């Protein structure tokens, strides 16, 4: 619809432009004593011929547009068309006018007419060339944006595919260990893993979901991990009511929790409490994950591990910012803070 309206206004503008010059030509001819009928005929014929030739030039430039180095061809084509236009104009005016004085005036002004017609045709050609060039640039920008979007989606999908096997292998190893000692618990873990993967497959990496839905999916993951670690793993999840309705990329928190469990349980003994809190700060959803760690055996650094690096990269791809994931350690507490801008 916008394209149709734009073309409509372009036609109106072009028609108004030729009408304006017809009026100027008519006024000049009458001022110099030309007959009214001949002045109208001359102005109208010139405008029609210029319009037709201008259309020919615009079409030629659009479909056979020369490069900047070959702009000489535009000049030559405009000169040829100007000459043909003047010859046709001279033929029409002499055929439909019997005024001898007007006939003499046509001959004496033909050089001036040629220059005027050529400049008008050249201006139309340049305008068409510039317009076609700008349009090509806009199309190229759209293609570049679409290509960038596809690349981002491909990278997001790749990150997702790299994260999932890491968790699946750990779960399968745990199931394998439980199969011999506790088949009932192993069967339960298989069912939980199946539910978790079913929910994961249905979601896209760039899809936005509510924090409430993300927590519901995260609980499936935590249930699996609690089967693996038993009473050693305890989690506390709290969130403001407003925060639960805010949006974040789907499947964003599971790698963060996996990182917290890795550093919280792998290198420590005894029970470990991992806390997840969500709050609203201005127009951002802030999710904070804390886990204890043993400074003697585990020394996490900001952005350590594939899990957190993948989350940071994913946030950068989605929101074009590199400051949305922050890690810090205070004594034996490691904190991962994620900030999600709300649109």
Protein backbone atom coordinates (compact mmCIF):
# COMPACT_ATOMS: atom_id res chain seq x y z
CA UNK A 1 0.00 0.00 0.00
CA UNK A 2 2.82 2.41 0.89
CA UNK A 3 4.58 1.58 -2.38
CA UNK A 4 1.38 2.31 -4.33
CA UNK A 5 0.88 5.65 -2.56
CA UNK A 6 4.51 6.61 -3.16
CA UNK A 7 4.21 5.90 -6.88
CA UNK A 8 0.94 7.83 -6.96
CA UNK A 9 2.54 10.91 -5.46
CA UNK A 10 5.54 10.57 -7.76
CA UNK A 11 3.20 10.67 -10.77
CA UNK A 12 1.42 13.69 -9.31
CA UNK A 13 4.74 15.45 -8.69
CA UNK A 14 6.02 14.74 -12.21
CA UNK A 15 2.75 15.92 -13.77
CA UNK A 16 2.84 19.09 -11.70
CA UNK A 17 6.46 19.69 -12.70
CA UNK A 18 5.73 19.48 -16.44
CA UNK A 19 2.56 21.58 -16.02
CA UNK A 20 4.58 24.25 -14.25
CA UNK A 21 7.10 24.47 -17.08
CA UNK A 22 4.28 24.50 -19.64
CA UNK A 23 2.78 27.52 -17.90
CA UNK A 24 6.19 29.23 -17.78
CA UNK A 25 6.74 28.57 -21.48
CA UNK A 26 3.24 29.77 -22.36
CA UNK A 27 3.77 32.98 -20.37
CA UNK A 28 7.14 33.66 -22.01
CA UNK A 29 5.80 33.09 -25.52
CA UNK A 30 2.75 35.32 -25.01
CA UNK A 31 4.99 37.99 -23.49
CA UNK A 32 7.06 38.01 -26.66
CA UNK A 33 3.98 38.38 -28.88
CA UNK A 34 3.29 34.79 -29.93
CA UNK A 35 -0.36 33.97 -30.79
CA UNK A 36 -2.46 32.40 -28.05
CA UNK A 37 -3.30 29.22 -30.01
CA UNK A 38 0.29 28.63 -31.07
CA UNK A 39 1.53 29.32 -27.53
CA UNK A 40 -0.86 26.74 -26.11
CA UNK A 41 0.02 24.22 -28.82
CA UNK A 42 3.73 24.80 -28.37
CA UNK A 43 3.64 24.54 -24.57
CA UNK A 44 1.40 21.47 -24.51
CA UNK A 45 3.35 19.64 -27.21
CA UNK A 46 6.67 20.37 -25.53
CA UNK A 47 5.36 19.14 -22.18
CA UNK A 48 3.98 15.91 -23.65
CA UNK A 49 7.17 15.16 -25.56
CA UNK A 50 9.33 15.92 -22.53
CA UNK A 51 7.13 13.68 -20.41
CA UNK A 52 7.42 10.78 -22.86
CA UNK A 53 11.14 11.19 -23.35
CA UNK A 54 11.63 11.58 -19.60
CA UNK A 55 9.77 8.31 -19.04
CA UNK A 56 11.96 6.60 -21.63
CA UNK A 57 15.10 7.91 -19.95
CA UNK A 58 13.94 6.94 -16.46
CA UNK A 59 13.06 3.43 -17.64
CA UNK A 60 16.37 3.05 -19.43
CA UNK A 61 18.31 4.19 -16.38
CA UNK A 62 16.26 1.90 -14.13
CA UNK A 63 16.81 -1.31 -16.07
CA UNK A 64 20.08 -0.55 -17.86
CA UNK A 65 21.69 1.70 -15.30
CA UNK A 66 25.32 2.51 -16.13
CA UNK A 67 27.95 2.71 -13.44
CA UNK A 68 29.47 5.99 -12.36
CA UNK A 69 32.43 5.34 -14.68
CA UNK A 70 30.10 4.93 -17.67
CA UNK A 71 27.93 7.99 -16.98
CA UNK A 72 29.07 9.23 -20.40
CA UNK A 73 26.38 7.02 -21.95
CA UNK A 74 23.67 8.98 -20.14
CA UNK A 75 25.00 12.19 -21.67
CA UNK A 76 25.05 10.72 -25.18
CA UNK A 77 21.58 9.21 -24.85
CA UNK A 78 20.14 12.48 -23.57
CA UNK A 79 21.64 14.39 -26.53
CA UNK A 80 20.20 11.92 -29.04
CA UNK A 81 16.76 12.01 -27.45
CA UNK A 82 16.84 15.81 -27.25
CA UNK A 83 17.59 16.00 -30.96
CA UNK A 84 14.77 13.58 -31.84
CA UNK A 85 12.39 15.44 -29.55
CA UNK A 86 13.16 18.80 -31.21
CA UNK A 87 12.73 17.37 -34.72
CA UNK A 88 9.37 15.86 -33.78
CA UNK A 89 8.34 19.11 -32.07
CA UNK A 90 9.28 21.12 -35.17
CA UNK A 91 7.29 18.75 -37.40
CA UNK A 92 4.15 18.95 -35.24
CA UNK A 93 4.22 22.73 -34.81
CA UNK A 94 4.71 23.44 -38.52
CA UNK A 95 1.98 20.98 -39.46
CA UNK A 96 -0.71 22.44 -37.17
CA UNK A 97 0.21 26.12 -37.38
CA UNK A 98 -0.18 28.35 -40.43
CA UNK A 99 1.11 31.56 -38.81
CA UNK A 100 4.19 32.64 -40.78
CA UNK A 101 5.60 34.87 -38.05
CA UNK A 102 5.30 32.00 -35.58
CA UNK A 103 7.02 29.71 -38.07
CA UNK A 104 9.97 32.13 -38.28
CA UNK A 105 10.10 32.32 -34.47
CA UNK A 106 10.29 28.53 -34.24
CA UNK A 107 13.31 28.44 -36.50
CA UNK A 108 15.12 31.22 -34.65
CA UNK A 109 14.55 29.61 -31.22
CA UNK A 110 15.32 26.00 -32.15
CA UNK A 111 18.85 26.10 -30.73
CA UNK A 112 17.53 27.49 -27.47
CA UNK A 113 14.77 24.84 -27.45
CA UNK A 114 17.31 22.10 -28.01
CA UNK A 115 19.39 23.26 -25.03
CA UNK A 116 16.28 23.53 -22.85
CA UNK A 117 14.96 20.09 -23.86
CA UNK A 118 18.38 18.49 -23.41
CA UNK A 119 18.83 19.96 -19.93
CA UNK A 120 15.35 18.79 -18.89
CA UNK A 121 16.01 15.28 -20.22
CA UNK A 122 19.43 15.17 -18.58
CA UNK A 123 17.96 16.33 -15.27
CA UNK A 124 15.27 13.64 -15.48
CA UNK A 125 17.91 10.99 -16.25
CA UNK A 126 20.12 12.04 -13.35
CA UNK A 127 17.12 12.13 -11.03
CA UNK A 128 16.13 8.62 -12.14
CA UNK A 129 19.69 7.37 -11.73
CA UNK A 130 19.96 8.81 -8.21
CA UNK A 131 16.56 7.42 -7.25
CA UNK A 132 17.43 3.95 -8.57
CA UNK A 133 20.80 4.08 -6.77
CA UNK A 134 19.17 5.03 -3.45
CA UNK A 135 16.59 2.29 -3.90
CA UNK A 136 19.33 -0.26 -4.55
CA UNK A 137 21.14 0.87 -1.42
CA UNK A 138 17.97 0.47 0.64
CA UNK A 139 17.41 -3.02 -0.76
CA UNK A 140 21.02 -3.91 0.00
CA UNK A 141 20.60 -2.69 3.58
CA UNK A 142 17.49 -4.84 3.95
CA UNK A 143 19.35 -7.84 2.58
CA UNK A 144 22.27 -7.20 4.95
CA UNK A 145 19.89 -6.93 7.93
CA UNK A 146 18.13 -10.12 6.92
CA UNK A 147 21.46 -11.90 6.54
CA UNK A 148 22.58 -10.60 9.94
CA UNK A 149 19.30 -11.78 11.48
CA UNK A 150 19.72 -15.25 9.99
CA UNK A 151 23.30 -15.41 11.24
CA UNK A 152 22.21 -14.39 14.73
CA UNK A 153 19.47 -17.01 14.75
CA UNK A 154 21.91 -19.63 13.51
CA UNK A 155 24.41 -18.73 16.23
CA UNK A 156 21.69 -18.78 18.90
CA UNK A 157 20.58 -22.18 17.69
CA UNK A 158 24.19 -23.35 17.76
CA UNK A 159 24.61 -22.17 21.34
CA UNK A 160 21.47 -24.02 22.33
CA UNK A 161 22.66 -27.21 20.66
CA UNK A 162 26.00 -26.96 22.47
CA UNK A 163 24.43 -26.41 25.88
CA UNK A 164 21.90 -29.24 25.80
CA UNK A 165 24.30 -32.17 25.15
CA UNK A 166 26.44 -31.04 28.08
CA UNK A 167 23.50 -31.42 30.47
CA UNK A 168 22.18 -34.59 28.80
CA UNK A 169 25.53 -36.39 29.14
CA UNK A 170 25.71 -35.57 32.83
CA UNK A 171 22.15 -36.81 33.37
CA UNK A 172 22.73 -40.01 31.40
CA UNK A 173 25.87 -40.74 33.43
CA UNK A 174 23.85 -40.33 36.61
CA UNK A 175 21.07 -42.58 35.28
CA UNK A 176 23.67 -45.18 34.35
CA UNK A 177 25.09 -45.09 37.87
CA UNK A 178 21.63 -45.38 39.44
CA UNK A 179 20.45 -48.18 37.17
CA UNK A 180 22.43 -50.78 39.08
CA UNK A 181 21.93 -49.48 42.62
CA UNK A 182 18.47 -47.90 42.50
CA UNK A 183 16.43 -48.78 39.38
CA UNK A 184 13.31 -47.02 40.70
CA UNK A 185 15.18 -43.75 41.12
CA UNK A 186 16.81 -44.20 37.72
CA UNK A 187 13.38 -44.69 36.12
CA UNK A 188 12.11 -41.53 37.85
CA UNK A 189 15.10 -39.56 36.59
CA UNK A 190 14.48 -40.78 33.03
CA UNK A 191 10.88 -39.54 33.22
CA UNK A 192 12.02 -36.17 34.57
CA UNK A 193 14.67 -35.86 31.86
CA UNK A 194 12.06 -36.70 29.23
CA UNK A 195 9.72 -33.96 30.53
CA UNK A 196 12.56 -31.45 30.60
CA UNK A 197 13.74 -32.20 27.06
CA UNK A 198 10.17 -32.13 25.71
CA UNK A 199 9.75 -28.59 27.05
CA UNK A 200 13.16 -27.58 25.71
CA UNK A 201 12.50 -28.76 22.16
CA UNK A 202 9.27 -26.77 21.94
CA UNK A 203 11.02 -23.47 22.68
CA UNK A 204 13.13 -21.29 20.41
CA UNK A 205 16.35 -19.72 21.60
CA UNK A 206 15.13 -16.22 20.71
CA UNK A 207 11.63 -16.69 22.13
CA UNK A 208 10.65 -14.51 25.09
CA UNK A 209 8.71 -16.13 27.92
CA UNK A 210 7.53 -14.95 31.31
CA UNK A 211 9.74 -15.51 34.31
CA UNK A 212 6.94 -17.65 35.77
CA UNK A 213 7.16 -20.05 32.80
CA UNK A 214 10.95 -20.03 32.96
CA UNK A 215 10.86 -20.95 36.66
CA UNK A 216 8.40 -23.75 35.92
CA UNK A 217 10.78 -25.20 33.34
CA UNK A 218 13.76 -24.58 35.62
CA UNK A 219 12.10 -26.64 38.36
CA UNK A 220 12.19 -29.69 36.04
CA UNK A 221 15.93 -29.25 35.75
CA UNK A 222 16.37 -28.84 39.50
CA UNK A 223 14.32 -31.98 40.17
CA UNK A 224 16.74 -33.95 37.99
CA UNK A 225 19.74 -32.48 39.74
CA UNK A 226 18.25 -33.23 43.15
CA UNK A 227 17.98 -36.89 42.13
CA UNK A 228 21.69 -36.80 41.28
CA UNK A 229 22.87 -35.05 44.42
CA UNK A 230 20.16 -36.03 46.88
CA UNK A 231 19.98 -34.09 50.16
CA UNK A 232 23.21 -32.21 49.38
CA UNK A 233 21.41 -29.85 46.97
CA UNK A 234 18.91 -27.33 48.30
CA UNK A 235 17.50 -24.44 46.30
CA UNK A 236 15.59 -21.33 47.29
CA UNK A 237 13.76 -19.47 44.52
CA UNK A 238 12.06 -16.15 45.28
CA UNK A 239 10.64 -13.45 43.00
CA UNK A 240 8.48 -10.33 43.17
CA UNK A 241 4.99 -10.64 41.74
CA UNK A 242 5.86 -8.03 39.10
CA UNK A 243 9.03 -9.88 38.19
CA UNK A 244 7.15 -13.13 37.54
CA UNK A 245 5.24 -11.51 34.67
CA UNK A 246 8.28 -9.95 33.01
CA UNK A 247 9.87 -11.46 29.91
CA UNK A 248 13.24 -13.07 29.34
CA UNK A 249 14.74 -15.34 26.66
CA UNK A 250 13.60 -18.91 27.10
CA UNK A 251 15.99 -21.47 28.59
CA UNK A 252 18.29 -18.70 29.81
CA UNK A 253 18.62 -19.65 33.48
CA UNK A 254 19.35 -23.38 33.24
CA UNK A 255 23.05 -22.93 32.24
CA UNK A 256 23.44 -20.41 35.08
CA UNK A 257 22.08 -22.92 37.60
CA UNK A 258 24.26 -25.63 36.08
CA UNK A 259 27.29 -23.40 36.59
CA UNK A 260 26.23 -22.70 40.21
CA UNK A 261 25.79 -26.43 40.91
CA UNK A 262 29.12 -27.22 39.32
CA UNK A 263 31.08 -24.82 41.54
CA UNK A 264 28.80 -25.24 44.53
CA UNK A 265 28.75 -29.02 44.82
CA UNK A 266 31.60 -30.53 42.82
CA UNK A 267 34.38 -29.10 45.00
CA UNK A 268 32.63 -28.96 48.36
CA UNK A 269 31.27 -31.44 50.85
CA UNK A 270 28.06 -31.33 52.83
CA UNK A 271 24.81 -29.58 52.02
CA UNK A 272 24.79 -26.61 49.66
CA UNK A 273 22.10 -23.95 49.30
CA UNK A 274 21.73 -22.21 45.93
CA UNK A 275 19.51 -19.14 45.91
CA UNK A 276 17.72 -17.59 42.94
CA UNK A 277 16.12 -14.19 43.42
CA UNK A 278 14.32 -12.03 40.86
CA UNK A 279 13.36 -8.40 41.21
CA UNK A 280 12.44 -5.37 39.13
CA UNK A 281 14.83 -2.46 38.79
CA UNK A 282 13.42 0.42 36.75
CA UNK A 283 12.62 -1.18 33.37
CA UNK A 284 14.81 -4.24 33.86
CA UNK A 285 14.25 -7.73 35.18
CA UNK A 286 17.19 -8.65 37.41
CA UNK A 287 17.85 -12.30 38.25
CA UNK A 288 20.54 -13.13 40.80
CA UNK A 289 21.97 -16.61 41.38
CA UNK A 290 24.23 -17.26 44.39
CA UNK A 291 26.16 -20.36 45.31
CA UNK A 292 28.85 -21.12 47.86
CA UNK A 293 32.26 -22.38 46.76
CA UNK A 294 35.49 -23.44 48.33
CA UNK A 295 38.14 -20.77 47.56
CA UNK A 296 40.89 -23.33 48.15
CA UNK A 297 39.77 -25.73 45.41
CA UNK A 298 37.59 -23.61 43.11
CA UNK A 299 38.47 -20.09 42.05
CA UNK A 300 35.79 -18.88 39.65
CA UNK A 301 36.46 -15.80 37.60
CA UNK A 302 34.11 -13.42 35.84
CA UNK A 303 32.65 -15.18 32.81
CA UNK A 304 34.35 -18.52 33.54
CA UNK A 305 32.97 -21.65 31.93
CA UNK A 306 31.17 -22.33 28.69
CA UNK A 307 27.74 -21.97 30.33
CA UNK A 308 28.17 -18.34 31.41
CA UNK A 309 30.05 -17.43 28.25
CA UNK A 310 27.21 -18.80 26.15
CA UNK A 311 24.66 -16.81 28.17
CA UNK A 312 26.69 -13.62 27.78
CA UNK A 313 26.98 -14.19 24.03
CA UNK A 314 23.29 -14.93 23.73
CA UNK A 315 22.31 -11.74 25.59
CA UNK A 316 24.66 -9.76 23.35
CA UNK A 317 23.04 -11.20 20.22
CA UNK A 318 19.51 -10.53 21.45
CA UNK A 319 19.91 -7.10 23.08
CA UNK A 320 23.13 -5.73 21.46
CA UNK A 321 24.69 -5.14 24.89
CA UNK A 322 27.67 -6.71 26.63
CA UNK A 323 26.94 -5.56 30.19
CA UNK A 324 23.89 -7.71 30.97
CA UNK A 325 25.74 -10.50 32.80
CA UNK A 326 27.94 -9.74 35.79
CA UNK A 327 29.78 -12.20 38.04
CA UNK A 328 31.44 -11.44 41.36
CA UNK A 329 32.75 -13.31 44.38
CA UNK A 330 32.63 -12.26 48.01
CA UNK A 331 34.56 -14.54 50.34
CA UNK A 332 32.98 -17.97 49.66
CA UNK A 333 29.86 -16.75 47.80
CA UNK A 334 29.80 -16.56 44.02
CA UNK A 335 27.07 -14.35 42.50
CA UNK A 336 25.85 -14.26 38.92
CA UNK A 337 23.60 -11.31 38.05
CA UNK A 338 21.60 -11.14 34.83
CA UNK A 339 19.79 -8.03 33.71
CA UNK A 340 17.00 -8.36 31.11
CA UNK A 341 15.79 -5.10 29.49
CA UNK A 342 12.02 -4.97 29.11
CA UNK A 343 10.70 -3.61 25.81
